[in-house]
């Protein structure tokens, strides 16, 4: 239980997950902005416009902010710090 909570608080997602989130945010915000403008224009109400846009933004934040497993499917395998030969290691 504690390890699951720690994973959620860390917020680590992989690079492919970051690209997915970026595309999702872009497309959803464009569509939500267009829909809210059309609905607000049709009803002549700024309350409708900002209500739709605000609601869609909050729902989008609930989808993209937590590190869901769909954003962590392609974990990066980092190399260990094995002290390979490099100029920085030669100066010791």
PDB file of N, CA and C in Angstrom:
ATOM      1  N   UNK A   1       0.822  -1.195   0.000  1.00  0.00           N
ATOM      2  CA  UNK A   1       0.000   0.000   0.000  1.00  0.00           C
ATOM      3  C   UNK A   1       0.865   1.258   0.000  1.00  0.00           C
ATOM      4  N   UNK A   2       1.875   1.275   0.853  1.00  0.00           N
ATOM      5  CA  UNK A   2       2.745   2.448   0.939  1.00  0.00           C
ATOM      6  C   UNK A   2       3.559   2.621  -0.337  1.00  0.00           C
ATOM      7  N   UNK A   3       3.981   1.509  -0.954  1.00  0.00           N
ATOM      8  CA  UNK A   3       4.767   1.630  -2.187  1.00  0.00           C
ATOM      9  C   UNK A   3       3.904   2.144  -3.335  1.00  0.00           C
ATOM     10  N   UNK A   4       2.627   1.754  -3.379  1.00  0.00           N
ATOM     11  CA  UNK A   4       1.726   2.265  -4.410  1.00  0.00           C
ATOM     12  C   UNK A   4       1.501   3.760  -4.241  1.00  0.00           C
ATOM     13  N   UNK A   5       1.344   4.194  -3.005  1.00  0.00           N
ATOM     14  CA  UNK A   5       1.167   5.615  -2.731  1.00  0.00           C
ATOM     15  C   UNK A   5       2.425   6.393  -3.096  1.00  0.00           C
ATOM     16  N   UNK A   6       3.589   5.824  -2.800  1.00  0.00           N
ATOM     17  CA  UNK A   6       4.846   6.480  -3.138  1.00  0.00           C
ATOM     18  C   UNK A   6       5.005   6.611  -4.650  1.00  0.00           C
ATOM     19  N   UNK A   7       4.593   5.586  -5.408  1.00  0.00           N
ATOM     20  CA  UNK A   7       4.662   5.652  -6.871  1.00  0.00           C
ATOM     21  C   UNK A   7       3.783   6.765  -7.406  1.00  0.00           C
ATOM     22  N   UNK A   8       2.581   6.923  -6.842  1.00  0.00           N
ATOM     23  CA  UNK A   8       1.687   7.984  -7.290  1.00  0.00           C
ATOM     24  C   UNK A   8       2.246   9.363  -6.967  1.00  0.00           C
ATOM     25  N   UNK A   9       2.884   9.500  -5.816  1.00  0.00           N
ATOM     26  CA  UNK A   9       3.433  10.796  -5.426  1.00  0.00           C
ATOM     27  C   UNK A   9       4.698  11.147  -6.201  1.00  0.00           C
ATOM     28  N   UNK A  10       5.452  10.137  -6.649  1.00  0.00           N
ATOM     29  CA  UNK A  10       6.659  10.401  -7.431  1.00  0.00           C
ATOM     30  C   UNK A  10       6.317  11.025  -8.775  1.00  0.00           C
ATOM     31  N   UNK A  11       5.273  10.556  -9.415  1.00  0.00           N
ATOM     32  CA  UNK A  11       4.828  11.137 -10.678  1.00  0.00           C
ATOM     33  C   UNK A  11       5.726  10.836 -11.853  1.00  0.00           C
ATOM     34  N   UNK A  12       6.387   9.690 -11.853  1.00  0.00           N
ATOM     35  CA  UNK A  12       7.309   9.364 -12.938  1.00  0.00           C
ATOM     36  C   UNK A  12       6.569   8.706 -14.092  1.00  0.00           C
ATOM     37  N   UNK A  13       6.747   9.277 -15.292  1.00  0.00           N
ATOM     38  CA  UNK A  13       6.239   8.654 -16.507  1.00  0.00           C
ATOM     39  C   UNK A  13       7.380   8.618 -17.512  1.00  0.00           C
ATOM     40  N   UNK A  14       7.264   7.758 -18.515  1.00  0.00           N
ATOM     41  CA  UNK A  14       8.345   7.619 -19.485  1.00  0.00           C
ATOM     42  C   UNK A  14       8.198   8.649 -20.608  1.00  0.00           C
ATOM     43  N   UNK A  15       9.171   8.646 -21.515  1.00  0.00           N
ATOM     44  CA  UNK A  15       9.193   9.639 -22.586  1.00  0.00           C
ATOM     45  C   UNK A  15       8.031   9.466 -23.557  1.00  0.00           C
ATOM     46  N   UNK A  16       7.665   8.231 -23.850  1.00  0.00           N
ATOM     47  CA  UNK A  16       6.535   7.985 -24.747  1.00  0.00           C
ATOM     48  C   UNK A  16       5.242   8.427 -24.065  1.00  0.00           C
ATOM     49  N   UNK A  17       5.138   8.218 -22.758  1.00  0.00           N
ATOM     50  CA  UNK A  17       3.987   8.697 -22.003  1.00  0.00           C
ATOM     51  C   UNK A  17       3.896  10.217 -22.006  1.00  0.00           C
ATOM     52  N   UNK A  18       5.040  10.886 -21.934  1.00  0.00           N
ATOM     53  CA  UNK A  18       5.048  12.347 -21.995  1.00  0.00           C
ATOM     54  C   UNK A  18       4.548  12.839 -23.347  1.00  0.00           C
ATOM     55  N   UNK A  19       4.956  12.165 -24.415  1.00  0.00           N
ATOM     56  CA  UNK A  19       4.490  12.537 -25.752  1.00  0.00           C
ATOM     57  C   UNK A  19       2.985  12.309 -25.876  1.00  0.00           C
ATOM     58  N   UNK A  20       2.498  11.203 -25.316  1.00  0.00           N
ATOM     59  CA  UNK A  20       1.067  10.907 -25.332  1.00  0.00           C
ATOM     60  C   UNK A  20       0.283  11.975 -24.577  1.00  0.00           C
ATOM     61  N   UNK A  21       0.782  12.378 -23.411  1.00  0.00           N
ATOM     62  CA  UNK A  21       0.122  13.422 -22.621  1.00  0.00           C
ATOM     63  C   UNK A  21       0.116  14.740 -23.386  1.00  0.00           C
ATOM     64  N   UNK A  22       1.229  15.083 -24.007  1.00  0.00           N
ATOM     65  CA  UNK A  22       1.306  16.338 -24.752  1.00  0.00           C
ATOM     66  C   UNK A  22       0.300  16.364 -25.898  1.00  0.00           C
ATOM     67  N   UNK A  23       0.213  15.272 -26.652  1.00  0.00           N
ATOM     68  CA  UNK A  23      -0.749  15.203 -27.754  1.00  0.00           C
ATOM     69  C   UNK A  23      -2.183  15.250 -27.240  1.00  0.00           C
ATOM     70  N   UNK A  24      -2.454  14.518 -26.167  1.00  0.00           N
ATOM     71  CA  UNK A  24      -3.795  14.485 -25.594  1.00  0.00           C
ATOM     72  C   UNK A  24      -4.225  15.872 -25.128  1.00  0.00           C
ATOM     73  N   UNK A  25      -3.352  16.568 -24.427  1.00  0.00           N
ATOM     74  CA  UNK A  25      -3.668  17.913 -23.945  1.00  0.00           C
ATOM     75  C   UNK A  25      -3.924  18.854 -25.119  1.00  0.00           C
ATOM     76  N   UNK A  26      -3.093  18.778 -26.134  1.00  0.00           N
ATOM     77  CA  UNK A  26      -3.249  19.660 -27.289  1.00  0.00           C
ATOM     78  C   UNK A  26      -4.604  19.453 -27.959  1.00  0.00           C
ATOM     79  N   UNK A  27      -4.914  18.209 -28.295  1.00  0.00           N
ATOM     80  CA  UNK A  27      -6.150  17.936 -29.027  1.00  0.00           C
ATOM     81  C   UNK A  27      -7.393  18.203 -28.184  1.00  0.00           C
ATOM     82  N   UNK A  28      -7.369  17.808 -26.926  1.00  0.00           N
ATOM     83  CA  UNK A  28      -8.548  18.007 -26.077  1.00  0.00           C
ATOM     84  C   UNK A  28      -8.797  19.496 -25.839  1.00  0.00           C
ATOM     85  N   UNK A  29      -7.753  20.276 -25.615  1.00  0.00           N
ATOM     86  CA  UNK A  29      -7.961  21.710 -25.391  1.00  0.00           C
ATOM     87  C   UNK A  29      -8.454  22.426 -26.644  1.00  0.00           C
ATOM     88  N   UNK A  30      -7.958  22.028 -27.807  1.00  0.00           N
ATOM     89  CA  UNK A  30      -8.446  22.639 -29.050  1.00  0.00           C
ATOM     90  C   UNK A  30      -9.919  22.308 -29.258  1.00  0.00           C
ATOM     91  N   UNK A  31     -10.281  21.039 -29.068  1.00  0.00           N
ATOM     92  CA  UNK A  31     -11.678  20.632 -29.252  1.00  0.00           C
ATOM     93  C   UNK A  31     -12.577  21.281 -28.208  1.00  0.00           C
ATOM     94  N   UNK A  32     -12.145  21.312 -26.949  1.00  0.00           N
ATOM     95  CA  UNK A  32     -12.958  21.906 -25.881  1.00  0.00           C
ATOM     96  C   UNK A  32     -13.131  23.406 -26.086  1.00  0.00           C
ATOM     97  N   UNK A  33     -12.084  24.073 -26.534  1.00  0.00           N
ATOM     98  CA  UNK A  33     -12.188  25.511 -26.783  1.00  0.00           C
ATOM     99  C   UNK A  33     -13.163  25.791 -27.913  1.00  0.00           C
ATOM    100  N   UNK A  34     -13.078  25.005 -28.976  1.00  0.00           N
ATOM    101  CA  UNK A  34     -13.989  25.184 -30.107  1.00  0.00           C
ATOM    102  C   UNK A  34     -15.434  24.917 -29.687  1.00  0.00           C
ATOM    103  N   UNK A  35     -15.641  23.820 -28.960  1.00  0.00           N
ATOM    104  CA  UNK A  35     -17.004  23.489 -28.520  1.00  0.00           C
ATOM    105  C   UNK A  35     -17.559  24.542 -27.568  1.00  0.00           C
ATOM    106  N   UNK A  36     -16.737  25.031 -26.663  1.00  0.00           N
ATOM    107  CA  UNK A  36     -17.227  26.032 -25.715  1.00  0.00           C
ATOM    108  C   UNK A  36     -17.536  27.348 -26.419  1.00  0.00           C
ATOM    109  N   UNK A  37     -16.737  27.700 -27.425  1.00  0.00           N
ATOM    110  CA  UNK A  37     -17.017  28.924 -28.174  1.00  0.00           C
ATOM    111  C   UNK A  37     -18.333  28.806 -28.930  1.00  0.00           C
ATOM    112  N   UNK A  38     -18.528  27.681 -29.612  1.00  0.00           N
ATOM    113  CA  UNK A  38     -19.754  27.488 -30.394  1.00  0.00           C
ATOM    114  C   UNK A  38     -20.975  27.469 -29.480  1.00  0.00           C
ATOM    115  N   UNK A  39     -20.889  26.749 -28.364  1.00  0.00           N
ATOM    116  CA  UNK A  39     -22.023  26.684 -27.437  1.00  0.00           C
ATOM    117  C   UNK A  39     -22.302  28.052 -26.816  1.00  0.00           C
ATOM    118  N   UNK A  40     -21.262  28.766 -26.444  1.00  0.00           N
ATOM    119  CA  UNK A  40     -21.445  30.093 -25.871  1.00  0.00           C
ATOM    120  C   UNK A  40     -21.987  31.085 -26.878  1.00  0.00           C
ATOM    121  N   UNK A  41     -21.541  30.971 -28.119  1.00  0.00           N
ATOM    122  CA  UNK A  41     -22.032  31.856 -29.171  1.00  0.00           C
ATOM    123  C   UNK A  41     -23.500  31.564 -29.470  1.00  0.00           C
ATOM    124  N   UNK A  42     -23.860  30.276 -29.501  1.00  0.00           N
ATOM    125  CA  UNK A  42     -25.241  29.895 -29.798  1.00  0.00           C
ATOM    126  C   UNK A  42     -26.192  30.342 -28.692  1.00  0.00           C
ATOM    127  N   UNK A  43     -25.748  30.276 -27.455  1.00  0.00           N
ATOM    128  CA  UNK A  43     -26.612  30.669 -26.334  1.00  0.00           C
ATOM    129  C   UNK A  43     -26.399  32.119 -25.913  1.00  0.00           C
ATOM    130  N   UNK A  44     -25.417  32.777 -26.505  1.00  0.00           N
ATOM    131  CA  UNK A  44     -25.073  34.157 -26.155  1.00  0.00           C
ATOM    132  C   UNK A  44     -24.795  34.282 -24.656  1.00  0.00           C
ATOM    133  N   UNK A  45     -23.987  33.336 -24.142  1.00  0.00           N
ATOM    134  CA  UNK A  45     -23.718  33.312 -22.705  1.00  0.00           C
ATOM    135  C   UNK A  45     -22.248  33.014 -22.448  1.00  0.00           C
ATOM    136  N   UNK A  46     -21.588  33.934 -21.761  1.00  0.00           N
ATOM    137  CA  UNK A  46     -20.210  33.685 -21.355  1.00  0.00           C
ATOM    138  C   UNK A  46     -20.148  32.630 -20.258  1.00  0.00           C
ATOM    139  N   UNK A  47     -21.205  32.522 -19.466  1.00  0.00           N
ATOM    140  CA  UNK A  47     -21.248  31.507 -18.421  1.00  0.00           C
ATOM    141  C   UNK A  47     -21.159  30.106 -19.032  1.00  0.00           C
ATOM    142  N   UNK A  48     -21.855  29.877 -20.125  1.00  0.00           N
ATOM    143  CA  UNK A  48     -21.793  28.581 -20.812  1.00  0.00           C
ATOM    144  C   UNK A  48     -20.397  28.364 -21.383  1.00  0.00           C
ATOM    145  N   UNK A  49     -19.842  29.393 -22.002  1.00  0.00           N
ATOM    146  CA  UNK A  49     -18.510  29.283 -22.605  1.00  0.00           C
ATOM    147  C   UNK A  49     -17.470  28.893 -21.564  1.00  0.00           C
ATOM    148  N   UNK A  50     -17.404  29.653 -20.485  1.00  0.00           N
ATOM    149  CA  UNK A  50     -16.390  29.383 -19.467  1.00  0.00           C
ATOM    150  C   UNK A  50     -16.714  28.139 -18.641  1.00  0.00           C
ATOM    151  N   UNK A  51     -17.984  27.813 -18.514  1.00  0.00           N
ATOM    152  CA  UNK A  51     -18.363  26.595 -17.803  1.00  0.00           C
ATOM    153  C   UNK A  51     -17.887  25.351 -18.534  1.00  0.00           C
ATOM    154  N   UNK A  52     -18.106  25.303 -19.837  1.00  0.00           N
ATOM    155  CA  UNK A  52     -17.656  24.149 -20.629  1.00  0.00           C
ATOM    156  C   UNK A  52     -16.136  24.079 -20.653  1.00  0.00           C
ATOM    157  N   UNK A  53     -15.487  25.209 -20.876  1.00  0.00           N
ATOM    158  CA  UNK A  53     -14.026  25.216 -20.938  1.00  0.00           C
ATOM    159  C   UNK A  53     -13.409  24.852 -19.585  1.00  0.00           C
ATOM    160  N   UNK A  54     -13.939  25.385 -18.508  1.00  0.00           N
ATOM    161  CA  UNK A  54     -13.415  25.066 -17.179  1.00  0.00           C
ATOM    162  C   UNK A  54     -13.626  23.612 -16.799  1.00  0.00           C
ATOM    163  N   UNK A  55     -14.807  23.087 -17.093  1.00  0.00           N
ATOM    164  CA  UNK A  55     -15.096  21.687 -16.784  1.00  0.00           C
ATOM    165  C   UNK A  55     -14.204  20.753 -17.579  1.00  0.00           C
ATOM    166  N   UNK A  56     -14.037  21.043 -18.860  1.00  0.00           N
ATOM    167  CA  UNK A  56     -13.184  20.178 -19.685  1.00  0.00           C
ATOM    168  C   UNK A  56     -11.725  20.266 -19.248  1.00  0.00           C
ATOM    169  N   UNK A  57     -11.277  21.427 -18.806  1.00  0.00           N
ATOM    170  CA  UNK A  57      -9.906  21.568 -18.325  1.00  0.00           C
ATOM    171  C   UNK A  57      -9.690  20.787 -17.030  1.00  0.00           C
ATOM    172  N   UNK A  58     -10.651  20.831 -16.126  1.00  0.00           N
ATOM    173  CA  UNK A  58     -10.541  20.061 -14.880  1.00  0.00           C
ATOM    174  C   UNK A  58     -10.545  18.557 -15.148  1.00  0.00           C
ATOM    175  N   UNK A  59     -11.417  18.104 -16.046  1.00  0.00           N
ATOM    176  CA  UNK A  59     -11.443  16.680 -16.391  1.00  0.00           C
ATOM    177  C   UNK A  59     -10.141  16.253 -17.054  1.00  0.00           C
ATOM    178  N   UNK A  60      -9.601  17.108 -17.910  1.00  0.00           N
ATOM    179  CA  UNK A  60      -8.331  16.808 -18.565  1.00  0.00           C
ATOM    180  C   UNK A  60      -7.207  16.717 -17.536  1.00  0.00           C
ATOM    181  N   UNK A  61      -7.216  17.599 -16.557  1.00  0.00           N
ATOM    182  CA  UNK A  61      -6.193  17.553 -15.501  1.00  0.00           C
ATOM    183  C   UNK A  61      -6.284  16.255 -14.706  1.00  0.00           C
ATOM    184  N   UNK A  62      -7.493  15.775 -14.460  1.00  0.00           N
ATOM    185  CA  UNK A  62      -7.653  14.500 -13.753  1.00  0.00           C
ATOM    186  C   UNK A  62      -7.116  13.327 -14.565  1.00  0.00           C
ATOM    187  N   UNK A  63      -7.126  13.467 -15.884  1.00  0.00           N
ATOM    188  CA  UNK A  63      -6.633  12.385 -16.742  1.00  0.00           C
ATOM    189  C   UNK A  63      -5.116  12.424 -16.868  1.00  0.00           C
ATOM    190  N   UNK A  64      -4.522  13.608 -17.006  1.00  0.00           N
ATOM    191  CA  UNK A  64      -3.099  13.669 -17.349  1.00  0.00           C
ATOM    192  C   UNK A  64      -2.159  13.924 -16.173  1.00  0.00           C
ATOM    193  N   UNK A  65      -2.644  14.429 -15.052  1.00  0.00           N
ATOM    194  CA  UNK A  65      -1.728  14.742 -13.954  1.00  0.00           C
ATOM    195  C   UNK A  65      -1.245  13.502 -13.204  1.00  0.00           C
ATOM    196  N   UNK A  66      -2.113  12.578 -12.799  1.00  0.00           N
ATOM    197  CA  UNK A  66      -1.580  11.392 -12.110  1.00  0.00           C
ATOM    198  C   UNK A  66      -0.768  10.506 -13.064  1.00  0.00           C
ATOM    199  N   UNK A  67       0.240   9.829 -12.555  1.00  0.00           N
ATOM    200  CA  UNK A  67       1.049   8.948 -13.415  1.00  0.00           C
ATOM    201  C   UNK A  67       0.361   7.602 -13.632  1.00  0.00           C
ATOM    202  N   UNK A  68      -0.653   7.584 -14.463  1.00  0.00           N
ATOM    203  CA  UNK A  68      -1.399   6.357 -14.731  1.00  0.00           C
ATOM    204  C   UNK A  68      -0.490   5.323 -15.385  1.00  0.00           C
ATOM    205  N   UNK A  69      -0.799   4.032 -15.240  1.00  0.00           N
ATOM    206  CA  UNK A  69       0.033   2.980 -15.855  1.00  0.00           C
ATOM    207  C   UNK A  69       0.146   3.100 -17.375  1.00  0.00           C
ATOM    208  N   UNK A  70      -0.860   3.678 -18.033  1.00  0.00           N
ATOM    209  CA  UNK A  70      -0.770   3.823 -19.492  1.00  0.00           C
ATOM    210  C   UNK A  70       0.335   4.804 -19.891  1.00  0.00           C
ATOM    211  N   UNK A  71       0.795   5.640 -18.969  1.00  0.00           N
ATOM    212  CA  UNK A  71       1.884   6.573 -19.251  1.00  0.00           C
ATOM    213  C   UNK A  71       3.240   6.011 -18.830  1.00  0.00           C
ATOM    214  N   UNK A  72       3.270   4.794 -18.262  1.00  0.00           N
ATOM    215  CA  UNK A  72       4.513   4.201 -17.760  1.00  0.00           C
ATOM    216  C   UNK A  72       4.769   2.818 -18.356  1.00  0.00           C
ATOM    217  N   UNK A  73       4.383   2.600 -19.598  1.00  0.00           N
ATOM    218  CA  UNK A  73       4.524   1.277 -20.207  1.00  0.00           C
ATOM    219  C   UNK A  73       5.899   1.034 -20.809  1.00  0.00           C
ATOM    220  N   UNK A  74       6.653   2.059 -21.100  1.00  0.00           N
ATOM    221  CA  UNK A  74       7.949   1.926 -21.778  1.00  0.00           C
ATOM    222  C   UNK A  74       9.048   2.505 -20.894  1.00  0.00           C
ATOM    223  N   UNK A  75       9.359   1.812 -19.822  1.00  0.00           N
ATOM    224  CA  UNK A  75      10.359   2.307 -18.884  1.00  0.00           C
ATOM    225  C   UNK A  75      11.745   2.370 -19.527  1.00  0.00           C
ATOM    226  N   UNK A  76      12.497   3.385 -19.170  1.00  0.00           N
ATOM    227  CA  UNK A  76      13.845   3.580 -19.685  1.00  0.00           C
ATOM    228  C   UNK A  76      14.812   2.793 -18.806  1.00  0.00           C
ATOM    229  N   UNK A  77      15.685   2.029 -19.438  1.00  0.00           N
ATOM    230  CA  UNK A  77      16.719   1.290 -18.712  1.00  0.00           C
ATOM    231  C   UNK A  77      17.979   2.151 -18.679  1.00  0.00           C
ATOM    232  N   UNK A  78      18.284   2.737 -17.529  1.00  0.00           N
ATOM    233  CA  UNK A  78      19.449   3.596 -17.398  1.00  0.00           C
ATOM    234  C   UNK A  78      20.693   2.750 -17.165  1.00  0.00           C
ATOM    235  N   UNK A  79      21.818   3.240 -17.641  1.00  0.00           N
ATOM    236  CA  UNK A  79      23.080   2.557 -17.405  1.00  0.00           C
ATOM    237  C   UNK A  79      23.528   2.796 -15.973  1.00  0.00           C
ATOM    238  N   UNK A  80      24.203   1.833 -15.426  1.00  0.00           N
ATOM    239  CA  UNK A  80      24.716   1.987 -14.067  1.00  0.00           C
ATOM    240  C   UNK A  80      25.917   2.917 -14.050  1.00  0.00           C
ATOM    241  N   UNK A  81      26.270   3.389 -12.894  1.00  0.00           N
ATOM    242  CA  UNK A  81      27.426   4.266 -12.742  1.00  0.00           C
ATOM    243  C   UNK A  81      28.681   3.442 -12.548  1.00  0.00           C
ATOM    244  N   UNK A  82      29.044   2.649 -13.536  1.00  0.00           N
ATOM    245  CA  UNK A  82      30.127   1.689 -13.409  1.00  0.00           C
ATOM    246  C   UNK A  82      31.518   2.268 -13.507  1.00  0.00           C
ATOM    247  N   UNK A  83      31.687   3.549 -13.602  1.00  0.00           N
ATOM    248  CA  UNK A  83      33.022   4.142 -13.654  1.00  0.00           C
ATOM    249  C   UNK A  83      33.751   3.832 -14.944  1.00  0.00           C
ATOM    250  N   UNK A  84      33.054   3.950 -16.058  1.00  0.00           N
ATOM    251  CA  UNK A  84      33.676   3.715 -17.357  1.00  0.00           C
ATOM    252  C   UNK A  84      34.769   4.724 -17.631  1.00  0.00           C
ATOM    253  N   UNK A  85      35.625   4.431 -18.573  1.00  0.00           N
ATOM    254  CA  UNK A  85      36.746   5.313 -18.876  1.00  0.00           C
ATOM    255  C   UNK A  85      36.294   6.585 -19.558  1.00  0.00           C
ATOM    256  N   UNK A  86      36.556   7.661 -18.956  1.00  0.00           N
ATOM    257  CA  UNK A  86      36.255   8.968 -19.520  1.00  0.00           C
ATOM    258  C   UNK A  86      37.227   9.975 -18.950  1.00  0.00           C
ATOM    259  N   UNK A  87      37.307  11.144 -19.534  1.00  0.00           N
ATOM    260  CA  UNK A  87      38.254  12.151 -19.069  1.00  0.00           C
ATOM    261  C   UNK A  87      37.960  12.571 -17.635  1.00  0.00           C
ATOM    262  N   UNK A  88      36.686  12.590 -17.254  1.00  0.00           N
ATOM    263  CA  UNK A  88      36.358  12.997 -15.891  1.00  0.00           C
ATOM    264  C   UNK A  88      36.872  11.976 -14.883  1.00  0.00           C
ATOM    265  N   UNK A  89      36.873  10.692 -15.240  1.00  0.00           N
ATOM    266  CA  UNK A  89      37.356   9.658 -14.328  1.00  0.00           C
ATOM    267  C   UNK A  89      38.881   9.593 -14.305  1.00  0.00           C
ATOM    268  N   UNK A  90      39.541  10.055 -15.363  1.00  0.00           N
ATOM    269  CA  UNK A  90      40.996  10.002 -15.431  1.00  0.00           C
ATOM    270  C   UNK A  90      41.653  11.047 -14.533  1.00  0.00           C
ATOM    271  N   UNK A  91      40.936  12.095 -14.133  1.00  0.00           N
ATOM    272  CA  UNK A  91      41.514  13.181 -13.350  1.00  0.00           C
ATOM    273  C   UNK A  91      41.653  12.842 -11.878  1.00  0.00           C
ATOM    274  N   UNK A  92      41.215  11.710 -11.440  1.00  0.00           N
ATOM    275  CA  UNK A  92      41.235  11.372 -10.005  1.00  0.00           C
ATOM    276  C   UNK A  92      42.611  11.336  -9.435  1.00  0.00           C
TER     277      UNK A  92
END
